[in-house]
Protein backbone atom coordinates (compact mmCIF):
# COMPACT_ATOMS: atom_id res chain seq x y z
CA MET A 1 -0.21 0.15 -0.06
CA SER A 2 1.42 3.42 -1.04
CA SER A 3 2.58 6.24 1.83
CA SER A 4 -0.49 7.80 0.07
CA SER A 5 -3.27 5.50 0.96
CA SER A 6 -1.74 4.31 4.60
CA SER A 7 -1.99 8.21 5.52
CA ARG A 8 -5.60 9.10 4.47
CA PRO A 9 -7.85 9.47 7.30
CA ALA A 10 -10.29 6.54 7.81
CA PRO A 11 -14.02 7.48 6.90
CA PRO A 12 -15.86 9.38 10.03
CA VAL A 13 -18.25 5.92 10.62
CA VAL A 14 -19.08 5.00 14.27
CA ILE A 15 -20.79 2.25 14.71
CA PRO A 16 -23.83 2.28 16.96
CA GLY A 17 -24.32 -0.10 20.10
CA SER A 18 -27.86 0.19 19.27
CA GLY A 19 -29.03 0.40 14.90
CA ASN A 20 -31.25 2.47 16.35
CA ASN A 21 -29.12 5.10 17.80
CA ILE A 22 -28.03 7.97 16.86
CA ILE A 23 -23.84 9.21 17.33
CA VAL A 24 -23.60 12.56 19.08
CA ASN A 25 -20.43 14.16 18.94
CA PRO A 26 -19.11 14.91 22.60
CA LEU A 27 -19.10 19.05 21.84
CA GLN A 28 -22.99 18.86 21.79
CA ARG A 29 -23.32 18.18 25.85
CA GLY A 30 -25.61 20.01 26.86
CA ASN A 31 -27.79 21.13 23.93
CA PRO A 32 -31.43 21.35 24.91
CA VAL A 33 -31.78 19.58 20.88
CA LEU A 34 -30.98 16.42 22.57
CA GLU A 35 -34.14 16.46 25.13
CA CYS A 36 -36.47 16.97 21.66
CA ILE A 37 -34.92 13.85 20.04
CA ARG A 38 -37.26 10.90 20.88
CA ASN A 39 -38.24 7.11 19.67
CA VAL A 40 -34.27 6.63 18.83
CA GLY A 41 -31.50 5.86 21.05
CA LYS A 42 -28.60 8.47 21.48
CA GLU A 43 -24.70 7.34 22.48
CA TYR A 44 -22.04 9.61 22.27
CA GLY A 45 -18.87 8.93 19.54
CA ASP A 46 -16.20 10.41 18.19
CA ILE A 47 -17.15 12.38 14.79
CA VAL A 48 -16.24 15.33 12.62
CA ALA A 49 -19.98 15.58 12.68
CA ASP A 50 -22.02 16.87 15.38
CA TYR A 51 -24.84 13.96 14.68
CA GLN A 52 -24.32 10.88 12.24
CA VAL A 53 -28.02 9.78 11.61
CA GLY A 54 -26.77 7.01 9.21
CA ARG A 55 -23.31 4.93 8.23
CA THR A 56 -23.47 7.49 5.35
CA THR A 57 -25.26 10.84 6.96
CA GLY A 58 -23.80 13.59 8.87
CA VAL A 59 -25.46 16.61 10.52
CA LEU A 60 -23.98 19.65 11.38
CA PHE A 61 -25.73 22.17 13.71
CA LEU A 62 -25.80 25.45 14.29
CA SER A 63 -28.20 28.28 16.01
CA LEU A 64 -28.06 31.75 14.09
CA LYS A 65 -27.75 33.10 17.67
CA TYR A 66 -24.42 31.25 17.94
CA HIS A 67 -23.31 32.04 14.86
CA ARG A 68 -23.96 35.62 15.00
CA LEU A 69 -21.61 35.67 18.07
CA HIS A 70 -18.96 33.36 16.27
CA PRO A 71 -19.46 33.41 12.45
CA GLU A 72 -15.84 31.82 11.87
CA TYR A 73 -17.49 29.00 14.32
CA ILE A 74 -19.27 27.07 10.70
CA HIS A 75 -16.46 27.36 8.84
CA THR A 76 -13.88 25.74 10.56
CA ARG A 77 -16.35 22.19 11.09
CA ILE A 78 -17.27 22.48 7.24
CA GLU A 79 -13.90 22.26 6.96
CA LYS A 80 -13.28 19.59 8.92
CA LEU A 81 -15.77 17.70 7.56
CA ALA A 82 -14.12 17.70 4.20
CA HIS A 83 -15.93 15.18 1.98
CA HIS A 84 -16.93 12.86 4.90
CA TYR A 85 -19.97 11.33 4.76
CA THR A 86 -23.01 10.80 1.63
CA LEU A 87 -25.44 13.12 2.66
CA ARG A 88 -24.18 16.20 4.45
CA ILE A 89 -26.60 18.59 6.25
CA LEU A 90 -26.36 21.56 7.83
CA LEU A 91 -29.32 21.97 10.54
CA ILE A 92 -30.06 25.17 11.42
CA LEU A 93 -31.98 27.05 14.10
CA SER A 94 -33.27 30.19 13.55
CA ASP A 95 -33.29 31.69 16.85
CA ILE A 96 -33.58 35.31 15.62
CA SER A 97 -35.53 37.73 14.26
CA GLU A 98 -33.38 38.74 11.94
CA HIS A 99 -32.47 35.96 10.12
CA LYS A 100 -33.43 35.85 6.36
CA ASP A 101 -28.98 37.18 5.85
CA PRO A 102 -26.88 34.93 7.54
CA ILE A 103 -29.37 31.97 5.97
CA ARG A 104 -28.91 33.45 2.63
CA GLU A 105 -25.22 33.34 3.25
CA LEU A 106 -24.95 30.29 4.62
CA THR A 107 -26.65 28.51 1.76
CA LYS A 108 -24.07 30.54 -0.71
CA VAL A 109 -22.03 28.42 2.29
CA CYS A 110 -23.35 24.97 1.79
CA ILE A 111 -23.87 24.89 -1.89
CA THR A 112 -20.26 25.41 -2.23
CA ASN A 113 -19.67 22.68 -0.42
CA ASN A 114 -22.00 20.07 -1.03
CA ILE A 115 -24.20 20.45 2.20
CA THR A 116 -27.98 20.53 2.54
CA VAL A 117 -29.57 22.89 4.30
CA ILE A 118 -32.77 22.12 6.36
CA VAL A 119 -33.97 25.46 8.87
CA ALA A 120 -35.47 25.00 12.17
CA PHE A 121 -37.32 27.70 14.25
CA SER A 122 -37.78 25.73 17.40
CA PHE A 123 -35.30 23.08 19.24
CA GLU A 124 -38.63 20.49 19.17
CA GLU A 125 -38.68 21.15 15.22
CA ALA A 126 -35.28 19.96 15.34
CA GLY A 127 -35.16 17.48 17.06
CA HIS A 128 -38.08 15.79 15.21
CA TYR A 129 -35.82 16.83 11.92
CA LEU A 130 -32.97 14.04 13.61
CA THR A 131 -35.72 11.91 14.26
CA ILE A 132 -36.95 11.09 10.95
CA PHE A 133 -33.35 11.06 9.49
CA LYS A 134 -32.41 8.40 11.97
CA GLN A 135 -36.05 6.50 11.74
CA PHE A 136 -36.03 6.77 7.49
CA GLU A 137 -32.11 5.29 7.22
CA HIS A 138 -33.38 2.00 5.52
CA LYS A 139 -36.24 2.62 4.43
CA PRO A 140 -37.09 2.52 0.74
CA PRO A 141 -37.36 6.06 -1.42
CA ASN A 142 -41.61 4.35 -2.28
CA MET A 143 -42.33 4.35 0.97
CA ILE A 144 -42.96 8.10 0.66
CA LYS A 145 -44.61 7.20 -2.62
CA GLU A 146 -48.67 8.64 -3.21
CA ARG A 147 -50.74 5.12 -2.78
CA VAL A 148 -52.96 4.89 -5.95
CA ASP A 149 -55.69 1.76 -6.08
CA LYS A 150 -55.66 -0.05 -9.00
CA ASP A 151 -59.35 0.05 -9.40
CA TYR A 152 -60.38 1.93 -12.79
CA ALA A 153 -62.79 4.16 -10.33
CA SER A 154 -59.86 5.26 -8.63
CA MET A 155 -57.54 5.81 -11.66
CA LEU A 156 -60.31 8.00 -12.58
CA ARG A 157 -60.13 10.44 -9.52
CA THR A 158 -56.42 10.85 -9.25
CA SER A 159 -55.98 11.35 -12.54
CA LEU A 160 -58.80 14.48 -13.35
CA THR A 161 -58.47 16.17 -9.67
CA SER A 162 -54.86 16.63 -10.26
CA ILE A 163 -56.59 19.13 -12.72
CA SER A 164 -56.97 22.60 -11.21
CA LYS A 165 -60.80 23.53 -9.87
CA VAL A 166 -61.69 19.65 -10.36
CA ASN A 167 -62.75 17.64 -6.61
CA LYS A 168 -63.82 14.15 -6.20
CA THR A 169 -67.15 15.43 -6.62
CA ASP A 170 -66.71 16.75 -9.64
CA VAL A 171 -65.26 13.71 -10.87
CA GLU A 172 -68.06 11.56 -9.82
CA THR A 173 -70.71 13.71 -12.17
CA LEU A 174 -67.92 13.44 -14.89
CA ARG A 175 -67.76 10.15 -14.46
CA SER A 176 -71.95 9.35 -13.66
CA SER A 177 -72.64 11.46 -16.76
CA PHE A 178 -70.35 10.41 -19.53
CA GLY A 179 -69.14 7.02 -18.32
CA SER A 180 -65.47 6.70 -19.25
CA ILE A 181 -62.28 9.33 -19.46
CA ALA A 182 -62.24 9.31 -23.47
CA ASN A 183 -65.84 10.20 -23.12
CA ILE A 184 -64.54 13.07 -20.57
CA ALA A 185 -62.26 14.06 -23.31
CA ARG A 186 -64.26 14.16 -26.74
CA THR A 187 -66.94 16.65 -24.57
CA SER A 188 -67.65 19.73 -25.92
CA PRO A 189 -67.25 22.88 -23.02
CA ASP A 190 -71.21 23.54 -23.54
CA GLN A 191 -71.76 19.81 -22.35
CA LEU A 192 -69.48 20.83 -19.76
CA SER A 193 -71.03 23.71 -18.89
CA ASN A 194 -74.45 22.53 -18.27
CA LEU A 195 -73.27 20.12 -15.24
CA PRO A 196 -74.00 21.15 -11.98
CA GLY A 197 -70.56 23.05 -10.05
CA PHE A 198 -68.99 23.72 -13.68
CA GLY A 199 -68.38 27.12 -14.09
CA GLN A 200 -65.88 28.41 -16.81
CA VAL A 201 -62.89 28.29 -15.52
CA LYS A 202 -63.39 24.69 -14.43
CA VAL A 203 -64.57 23.86 -18.09
CA LYS A 204 -61.78 25.64 -19.65
CA ASN A 205 -59.37 24.08 -17.19
CA ILE A 206 -60.46 20.74 -18.23
CA LYS A 207 -60.43 21.09 -21.93
CA ASN A 208 -57.01 22.06 -21.64
CA ALA A 209 -55.76 19.40 -20.25
CA PHE A 210 -56.99 16.60 -23.36
CA GLU A 211 -56.22 19.28 -25.21
CA LYS A 212 -53.41 21.45 -25.00
CA PRO A 213 -50.44 20.00 -26.49
CA PHE A 214 -47.64 19.19 -23.90
CA ARG A 215 -44.80 20.90 -25.60
CA ASN A 216 -44.46 24.42 -25.28
CA HIS A 217 -43.87 27.55 -27.95
CA ALA A 218 -39.80 27.37 -26.73
CA THR A 219 -39.54 23.87 -27.26
CA ASN A 220 -41.52 23.91 -30.27
CA THR A 221 -39.06 27.17 -31.54
CA LEU A 222 -35.86 24.83 -30.23
CA ALA A 223 -37.14 22.02 -32.56
CA PHE A 224 -37.94 23.63 -35.61
CA MET A 225 -34.68 25.34 -34.96
CA ALA A 226 -32.32 21.97 -35.30
CA SER A 227 -34.08 20.97 -37.67
CA SER A 228 -34.13 23.58 -39.76
CA PRO A 229 -30.58 23.93 -42.11
CA SER A 230 -28.69 27.55 -41.94
CA GLN A 231 -28.22 27.42 -45.18
CA GLY A 232 -29.87 26.14 -48.35
CA PRO A 233 -29.24 22.62 -50.19
CA MET A 234 -26.25 24.23 -52.77
CA GLY A 235 -24.66 26.04 -49.37
CA ASN A 236 -26.77 29.61 -50.50
CA GLU A 237 -27.87 32.04 -48.80
CA PRO A 238 -31.00 30.79 -46.78
CA HIS A 239 -34.84 30.73 -47.84
CA ASP A 240 -36.35 33.39 -45.92
CA GLY A 241 -39.50 30.95 -46.37
CA VAL A 242 -40.71 27.53 -47.40
CA GLU A 243 -41.24 27.06 -51.23
CA GLN A 244 -44.76 25.67 -52.10
CA GLY A 245 -45.03 25.47 -55.54
CA ASN A 246 -45.02 28.63 -57.32
CA THR A 247 -45.60 30.93 -53.03
CA VAL A 248 -43.55 31.15 -50.65
CA ALA A 249 -44.92 30.74 -47.18
CA GLU A 250 -43.44 32.03 -44.28
CA PRO A 251 -41.67 30.38 -41.78
CA SER A 252 -43.15 29.83 -38.70
CA TYR A 253 -40.07 30.19 -36.91
CA LYS A 254 -41.00 32.25 -33.44
CA PRO A 255 -38.66 33.75 -31.52
CA PRO A 256 -36.97 31.97 -28.73
CA ARG A 257 -38.03 33.49 -24.99
CA GLU A 258 -36.65 35.69 -22.24
CA PRO A 259 -34.23 33.65 -21.27
CA SER A 260 -34.83 33.10 -16.70
CA PRO A 261 -32.87 35.98 -13.87
CA VAL A 262 -29.94 35.21 -12.47
CA TRP A 263 -30.98 34.36 -9.03
CA ASP A 264 -28.91 36.69 -6.93
CA ILE A 265 -27.12 33.22 -5.10
CA GLU A 266 -25.61 32.51 -8.58
CA LEU A 267 -23.88 35.98 -9.08
CA ASP A 268 -22.72 36.42 -5.76
CA LEU A 269 -20.98 32.79 -6.34
């Protein structure tokens, strides 16, 4: 083994005595948030993070009141954290009234250091976050996925209530009136307007859901620009239109939309 490999620090992963324990840095002794961590165990260990809530998840804790008095503290802790842990979290306790600017600055620091920011407004909320991270350590991601029954009525209800202003009562009205989603899609605005509880806005939203194209003007413009040659077939100047017989039709090109404004955080970075 090379000397560079042997000198590399070991990952700060401490195996808890119980699989349900959060590893706590001794620096956190006396922190009121410890009393707010419930339903999971806690034990102290030599880690670079403040809380290890999973084998690959480390959390740094920062009170904004403390940060106002010691602004260099969090930078030192992040430097010591280096590239340890796959998921790195800065749990901020917002315990001052003027919290906007410090949170903004801390967010910029975390973006450049690949750290996720979570803001809590009480010790109880901060302890709840730490508890949930530990409890969900081994849970599959599809656990929080929306569960939809597989019968036709349930799928129809889930699909149509995703349309703005359409509720479950409206779905039952549509189903009893037209029978299937195919018939609903072919229904005219006048027929929809005759249903109880269907005003102009709701009817418009339903028709847009079935008839409005998924691709917007910006996407169509990009597709047209990609498929249209910049010059004629023999390298001549580009045509101003498309020849159709003896006439020249106007091109369907539309100018691209204005670019989105740059975030102030991006400007600062």
